[in-house]
């Protein structure tokens, strides 16, 4: 009986040793995989940040270009408004001149008829 028990104990110890070794190997493999995934995650975060920075820079350049274009258009509109005001003033002067010329013509025609 004792020999049988000792034999079973030895077999169980051997099995326990094999299971412990297998668990250690699995733990090592899991730790290695976690490390790899953490490195991949870190690299993905770096790539994402770089892409985000590039997009932000491109957006800033585009915003500046739009701002410059808007400023240019505002300047153009102001100059066009000034030109419209100048033309209105010239038109008013010409209308006044035409009115005076018509009055003078009317007076000359009256004098001519007499």
N, C-alpha and C. Protein backbone atom coordinates (compact mmCIF):
# COMPACT_ATOMS: atom_id res chain seq x y z
N UNK A 1 0.85 -1.20 0.00
CA UNK A 1 0.00 0.00 0.00
C UNK A 1 0.89 1.25 0.00
N UNK A 2 1.92 1.23 0.86
CA UNK A 2 2.82 2.37 0.98
C UNK A 2 3.54 2.63 -0.34
N UNK A 3 4.00 1.56 -0.96
CA UNK A 3 4.69 1.71 -2.23
C UNK A 3 3.76 2.28 -3.30
N UNK A 4 2.51 1.83 -3.29
CA UNK A 4 1.53 2.33 -4.23
C UNK A 4 1.28 3.81 -3.99
N UNK A 5 1.16 4.21 -2.74
CA UNK A 5 0.92 5.60 -2.39
C UNK A 5 2.12 6.46 -2.78
N UNK A 6 3.33 5.94 -2.52
CA UNK A 6 4.54 6.67 -2.87
C UNK A 6 4.63 6.81 -4.39
N UNK A 7 4.28 5.77 -5.10
CA UNK A 7 4.31 5.80 -6.56
C UNK A 7 3.31 6.83 -7.09
N UNK A 8 2.10 6.83 -6.49
CA UNK A 8 1.07 7.82 -6.90
C UNK A 8 1.55 9.24 -6.59
N UNK A 9 2.19 9.36 -5.40
CA UNK A 9 2.70 10.69 -5.02
C UNK A 9 3.75 11.15 -6.02
N UNK A 10 4.64 10.27 -6.42
CA UNK A 10 5.69 10.62 -7.37
C UNK A 10 5.08 11.02 -8.73
N UNK A 11 4.08 10.24 -9.15
CA UNK A 11 3.40 10.54 -10.42
C UNK A 11 2.70 11.91 -10.35
N UNK A 12 2.03 12.13 -9.19
CA UNK A 12 1.33 13.42 -9.02
C UNK A 12 2.34 14.57 -8.96
N UNK A 13 3.46 14.35 -8.30
CA UNK A 13 4.50 15.38 -8.24
C UNK A 13 5.03 15.67 -9.64
N UNK A 14 5.24 14.58 -10.40
CA UNK A 14 5.72 14.74 -11.76
C UNK A 14 4.69 15.51 -12.60
N UNK A 15 3.41 15.13 -12.46
CA UNK A 15 2.33 15.80 -13.18
C UNK A 15 2.25 17.26 -12.77
N UNK A 16 2.36 17.49 -11.45
CA UNK A 16 2.30 18.87 -10.94
C UNK A 16 3.45 19.69 -11.52
N UNK A 17 4.63 19.11 -11.58
CA UNK A 17 5.79 19.79 -12.15
C UNK A 17 5.56 20.13 -13.62
N UNK A 18 4.96 19.19 -14.35
CA UNK A 18 4.70 19.42 -15.76
C UNK A 18 3.65 20.53 -15.94
N UNK A 19 2.62 20.48 -15.09
CA UNK A 19 1.56 21.51 -15.17
C UNK A 19 2.15 22.87 -14.82
N UNK A 20 2.98 22.92 -13.76
CA UNK A 20 3.60 24.19 -13.37
C UNK A 20 4.49 24.72 -14.49
N UNK A 21 5.25 23.84 -15.12
CA UNK A 21 6.11 24.25 -16.22
C UNK A 21 5.27 24.78 -17.37
N UNK A 22 4.18 24.08 -17.68
CA UNK A 22 3.29 24.51 -18.76
C UNK A 22 2.65 25.87 -18.44
N UNK A 23 2.25 26.06 -17.19
CA UNK A 23 1.67 27.35 -16.78
C UNK A 23 2.70 28.47 -16.88
N UNK A 24 3.94 28.19 -16.48
CA UNK A 24 4.99 29.19 -16.59
C UNK A 24 5.24 29.56 -18.06
N UNK A 25 5.24 28.56 -18.93
CA UNK A 25 5.43 28.83 -20.35
C UNK A 25 4.28 29.68 -20.90
N UNK A 26 3.04 29.32 -20.49
CA UNK A 26 1.88 30.10 -20.94
C UNK A 26 1.92 31.52 -20.39
N UNK A 27 2.35 31.65 -19.14
CA UNK A 27 2.47 32.98 -18.55
C UNK A 27 3.51 33.80 -19.30
N UNK A 28 4.64 33.19 -19.60
CA UNK A 28 5.70 33.88 -20.35
C UNK A 28 5.18 34.30 -21.73
N UNK A 29 4.48 33.39 -22.39
CA UNK A 29 3.92 33.69 -23.72
C UNK A 29 2.90 34.83 -23.62
N UNK A 30 2.05 34.81 -22.60
CA UNK A 30 1.04 35.85 -22.41
C UNK A 30 1.70 37.20 -22.14
N UNK A 31 2.73 37.20 -21.31
CA UNK A 31 3.47 38.43 -21.01
C UNK A 31 4.10 38.98 -22.29
N UNK A 32 4.69 38.08 -23.10
CA UNK A 32 5.29 38.50 -24.36
C UNK A 32 4.24 39.09 -25.30
N UNK A 33 3.08 38.44 -25.40
CA UNK A 33 2.00 38.95 -26.26
C UNK A 33 1.50 40.31 -25.78
N UNK A 34 1.34 40.44 -24.47
CA UNK A 34 0.90 41.73 -23.91
C UNK A 34 1.90 42.82 -24.26
N UNK A 35 3.17 42.50 -24.14
CA UNK A 35 4.22 43.46 -24.46
C UNK A 35 4.15 43.86 -25.94
N UNK A 36 3.95 42.87 -26.81
CA UNK A 36 3.83 43.16 -28.25
C UNK A 36 2.62 44.05 -28.52
N UNK A 37 1.48 43.72 -27.90
CA UNK A 37 0.27 44.52 -28.11
C UNK A 37 0.43 45.94 -27.59
N UNK A 38 1.13 46.06 -26.46
CA UNK A 38 1.37 47.41 -25.93
C UNK A 38 2.26 48.21 -26.88
N UNK A 39 3.27 47.56 -27.46
CA UNK A 39 4.14 48.23 -28.42
C UNK A 39 3.35 48.63 -29.66
N UNK A 40 2.49 47.72 -30.15
CA UNK A 40 1.65 48.04 -31.32
C UNK A 40 0.71 49.21 -31.00
N UNK A 41 0.13 49.19 -29.81
CA UNK A 41 -0.77 50.27 -29.39
C UNK A 41 -0.01 51.59 -29.33
N UNK A 42 1.18 51.56 -28.75
CA UNK A 42 2.01 52.76 -28.66
C UNK A 42 2.33 53.30 -30.05
N UNK A 43 2.70 52.39 -30.97
CA UNK A 43 3.02 52.81 -32.34
C UNK A 43 1.78 53.37 -33.03
N UNK A 44 0.63 52.74 -32.82
CA UNK A 44 -0.62 53.23 -33.43
C UNK A 44 -0.96 54.61 -32.89
N UNK A 45 -0.75 54.83 -31.59
CA UNK A 45 -1.01 56.14 -30.99
C UNK A 45 -0.06 57.19 -31.58
N UNK A 46 1.22 56.82 -31.77
CA UNK A 46 2.19 57.74 -32.38
C UNK A 46 1.78 58.09 -33.80
N UNK A 47 1.40 57.05 -34.57
CA UNK A 47 0.98 57.27 -35.96
C UNK A 47 -0.26 58.16 -36.01
N UNK A 48 -1.20 57.87 -35.12
CA UNK A 48 -2.44 58.66 -35.07
C UNK A 48 -2.13 60.12 -34.73
N UNK A 49 -1.25 60.33 -33.77
CA UNK A 49 -0.89 61.69 -33.38
C UNK A 49 -0.19 62.42 -34.52
N UNK A 50 0.69 61.71 -35.23
CA UNK A 50 1.38 62.33 -36.37
C UNK A 50 0.39 62.71 -37.46
N UNK A 51 -0.56 61.81 -37.74
CA UNK A 51 -1.58 62.10 -38.76
C UNK A 51 -2.44 63.28 -38.33
N UNK A 52 -2.80 63.30 -37.06
CA UNK A 52 -3.63 64.39 -36.53
C UNK A 52 -2.89 65.72 -36.63
N UNK A 53 -1.61 65.71 -36.30
CA UNK A 53 -0.80 66.92 -36.40
C UNK A 53 -0.73 67.40 -37.85
N UNK A 54 -0.53 66.48 -38.77
CA UNK A 54 -0.46 66.84 -40.18
C UNK A 54 -1.78 67.43 -40.66
N UNK A 55 -2.89 66.79 -40.28
CA UNK A 55 -4.21 67.30 -40.68
C UNK A 55 -4.43 68.69 -40.10
N UNK A 56 -4.05 68.88 -38.84
CA UNK A 56 -4.21 70.20 -38.22
C UNK A 56 -3.39 71.26 -38.94
N UNK A 57 -2.17 70.91 -39.30
CA UNK A 57 -1.31 71.86 -40.03
C UNK A 57 -1.92 72.20 -41.39
N UNK A 58 -2.41 71.16 -42.09
CA UNK A 58 -3.04 71.40 -43.39
C UNK A 58 -4.28 72.28 -43.23
N UNK A 59 -5.05 72.02 -42.18
CA UNK A 59 -6.25 72.84 -41.94
C UNK A 59 -5.87 74.29 -41.64
N UNK A 60 -4.80 74.48 -40.88
CA UNK A 60 -4.37 75.84 -40.57
C UNK A 60 -3.94 76.57 -41.85
N UNK A 61 -3.22 75.86 -42.72
CA UNK A 61 -2.80 76.47 -43.99
C UNK A 61 -4.03 76.82 -44.83
N UNK A 62 -4.99 75.90 -44.88
CA UNK A 62 -6.20 76.14 -45.66
C UNK A 62 -7.01 77.29 -45.07
N UNK A 63 -7.10 77.33 -43.76
CA UNK A 63 -7.83 78.43 -43.09
C UNK A 63 -7.15 79.76 -43.41
N UNK A 64 -5.82 79.79 -43.36
CA UNK A 64 -5.09 81.02 -43.66
C UNK A 64 -5.33 81.44 -45.11
N UNK A 65 -5.31 80.46 -46.02
CA UNK A 65 -5.55 80.78 -47.44
C UNK A 65 -6.96 81.35 -47.62
N UNK A 66 -7.94 80.75 -46.94
CA UNK A 66 -9.31 81.26 -47.03
C UNK A 66 -9.41 82.65 -46.42
N UNK A 67 -8.73 82.87 -45.32
CA UNK A 67 -8.73 84.19 -44.67
C UNK A 67 -8.12 85.24 -45.60
N UNK A 68 -7.01 84.87 -46.24
CA UNK A 68 -6.36 85.79 -47.19
C UNK A 68 -7.29 86.10 -48.36
N UNK A 69 -7.95 85.06 -48.87
CA UNK A 69 -8.87 85.27 -49.99
C UNK A 69 -10.04 86.15 -49.56
N UNK A 70 -10.56 85.91 -48.36
CA UNK A 70 -11.66 86.71 -47.86
C UNK A 70 -11.24 88.18 -47.70
N UNK A 71 -10.03 88.39 -47.17
CA UNK A 71 -9.52 89.76 -47.03
C UNK A 71 -9.38 90.43 -48.39
N UNK A 72 -8.88 89.66 -49.36
CA UNK A 72 -8.72 90.19 -50.71
C UNK A 72 -10.09 90.56 -51.30
N UNK A 73 -11.07 89.68 -51.11
CA UNK A 73 -12.41 89.96 -51.63
C UNK A 73 -13.04 91.16 -50.93
N UNK A 74 -12.82 91.28 -49.64
CA UNK A 74 -13.35 92.44 -48.91
C UNK A 74 -12.72 93.72 -49.45
N UNK A 75 -11.43 93.69 -49.72
CA UNK A 75 -10.74 94.86 -50.30
C UNK A 75 -11.32 95.17 -51.68
N UNK A 76 -11.52 94.14 -52.48
CA UNK A 76 -12.08 94.31 -53.81
C UNK A 76 -13.48 94.92 -53.73
N UNK A 77 -14.30 94.42 -52.81
CA UNK A 77 -15.66 94.96 -52.64
C UNK A 77 -15.61 96.42 -52.23
N UNK A 78 -14.71 96.75 -51.30
CA UNK A 78 -14.58 98.17 -50.88
C UNK A 78 -14.19 99.04 -52.07
N UNK A 79 -13.22 98.57 -52.87
CA UNK A 79 -12.79 99.37 -54.01
C UNK A 79 -13.91 99.48 -55.04
N UNK A 80 -14.68 98.42 -55.23
CA UNK A 80 -15.81 98.47 -56.16
C UNK A 80 -16.89 99.44 -55.66
N UNK A 81 -17.13 99.41 -54.35
CA UNK A 81 -18.11 100.35 -53.78
C UNK A 81 -17.65 101.79 -53.96
N UNK A 82 -16.35 102.01 -53.77
CA UNK A 82 -15.82 103.37 -53.99
C UNK A 82 -15.99 103.77 -55.45
N UNK A 83 -15.73 102.84 -56.35
CA UNK A 83 -15.88 103.11 -57.79
C UNK A 83 -17.35 103.40 -58.12
N UNK A 84 -18.27 102.65 -57.52
CA UNK A 84 -19.71 102.89 -57.73
C UNK A 84 -20.08 104.29 -57.25
N UNK A 85 -19.57 104.67 -56.07
CA UNK A 85 -19.87 106.01 -55.55
C UNK A 85 -19.31 107.08 -56.47
N UNK A 86 -18.08 106.85 -56.99
CA UNK A 86 -17.48 107.81 -57.91
C UNK A 86 -18.31 107.93 -59.18
N UNK A 87 -18.75 106.79 -59.71
CA UNK A 87 -19.57 106.80 -60.93
C UNK A 87 -20.92 107.47 -60.68
N UNK A 88 -21.50 107.24 -59.50
CA UNK A 88 -22.77 107.91 -59.17
C UNK A 88 -22.57 109.42 -59.15
N UNK A 89 -21.46 109.84 -58.54
CA UNK A 89 -21.16 111.27 -58.47
C UNK A 89 -20.97 111.84 -59.87
N UNK A 90 -20.20 111.13 -60.72
CA UNK A 90 -20.00 111.58 -62.10
C UNK A 90 -21.32 111.63 -62.85
N UNK A 91 -22.15 110.62 -62.62
CA UNK A 91 -23.46 110.57 -63.28
C UNK A 91 -24.31 111.77 -62.86
N UNK A 92 -24.27 112.08 -61.57
CA UNK A 92 -25.04 113.23 -61.08
C UNK A 92 -24.51 114.53 -61.70
N UNK A 93 -23.18 114.66 -61.77
CA UNK A 93 -22.60 115.84 -62.39
C UNK A 93 -23.01 115.94 -63.87
N UNK A 94 -22.95 114.80 -64.57
CA UNK A 94 -23.34 114.80 -65.98
C UNK A 94 -24.82 115.13 -66.15
N UNK A 95 -25.66 114.62 -65.26
CA UNK A 95 -27.10 114.92 -65.32
C UNK A 95 -27.33 116.42 -65.10
N UNK A 96 -26.60 116.98 -64.13
CA UNK A 96 -26.72 118.42 -63.88
C UNK A 96 -26.26 119.22 -65.10
N UNK A 97 -25.13 118.79 -65.67
CA UNK A 97 -24.61 119.46 -66.85
C UNK A 97 -25.61 119.36 -68.00
N UNK A 98 -26.20 118.15 -68.18
CA UNK A 98 -27.17 117.95 -69.25
C UNK A 98 -28.40 118.82 -69.02
N UNK A 99 -28.83 118.91 -67.77
CA UNK A 99 -29.99 119.75 -67.44
C UNK A 99 -29.69 121.21 -67.80
N UNK A 100 -28.51 121.68 -67.41
CA UNK A 100 -28.10 123.05 -67.73
C UNK A 100 -28.03 123.25 -69.24
N UNK A 101 -27.45 122.24 -69.95
CA UNK A 101 -27.32 122.34 -71.40
C UNK A 101 -28.69 122.39 -72.05
N UNK A 102 -29.63 121.58 -71.54
CA UNK A 102 -30.99 121.60 -72.08
C UNK A 102 -31.68 122.94 -71.82
N UNK A 103 -31.45 123.49 -70.63
CA UNK A 103 -32.03 124.82 -70.33
C UNK A 103 -31.45 125.87 -71.27
N UNK A 104 -30.14 125.82 -71.43
CA UNK A 104 -29.49 126.78 -72.33
C UNK A 104 -30.01 126.60 -73.75
N UNK A 105 -30.15 125.35 -74.18
CA UNK A 105 -30.67 125.06 -75.52
C UNK A 105 -32.09 125.61 -75.65
N UNK A 106 -32.89 125.39 -74.60
CA UNK A 106 -34.26 125.90 -74.62
C UNK A 106 -34.28 127.41 -74.73
N UNK A 107 -33.43 128.09 -73.96
CA UNK A 107 -33.35 129.53 -74.01
C UNK A 107 -32.89 130.01 -75.39
N UNK A 108 -31.90 129.31 -75.96
CA UNK A 108 -31.39 129.68 -77.28
C UNK A 108 -32.47 129.50 -78.34
N UNK A 109 -33.23 128.43 -78.20
CA UNK A 109 -34.31 128.22 -79.17
C UNK A 109 -35.40 129.30 -79.06
N UNK A 110 -35.66 129.72 -77.82
CA UNK A 110 -36.66 130.80 -77.64
C UNK A 110 -36.16 132.08 -78.29
N UNK A 111 -34.84 132.33 -78.09
CA UNK A 111 -34.26 133.56 -78.66
C UNK A 111 -34.29 133.45 -80.17
N UNK A 112 -34.01 132.30 -80.73
CA UNK A 112 -33.95 132.11 -82.16
C UNK A 112 -35.34 132.29 -82.78
N UNK A 113 -36.37 131.84 -82.08
CA UNK A 113 -37.74 131.90 -82.60
C UNK A 113 -38.17 133.37 -82.67
N UNK A 114 -37.79 134.22 -81.83
CA UNK A 114 -38.22 135.62 -81.79
C UNK A 114 -37.72 136.39 -82.91
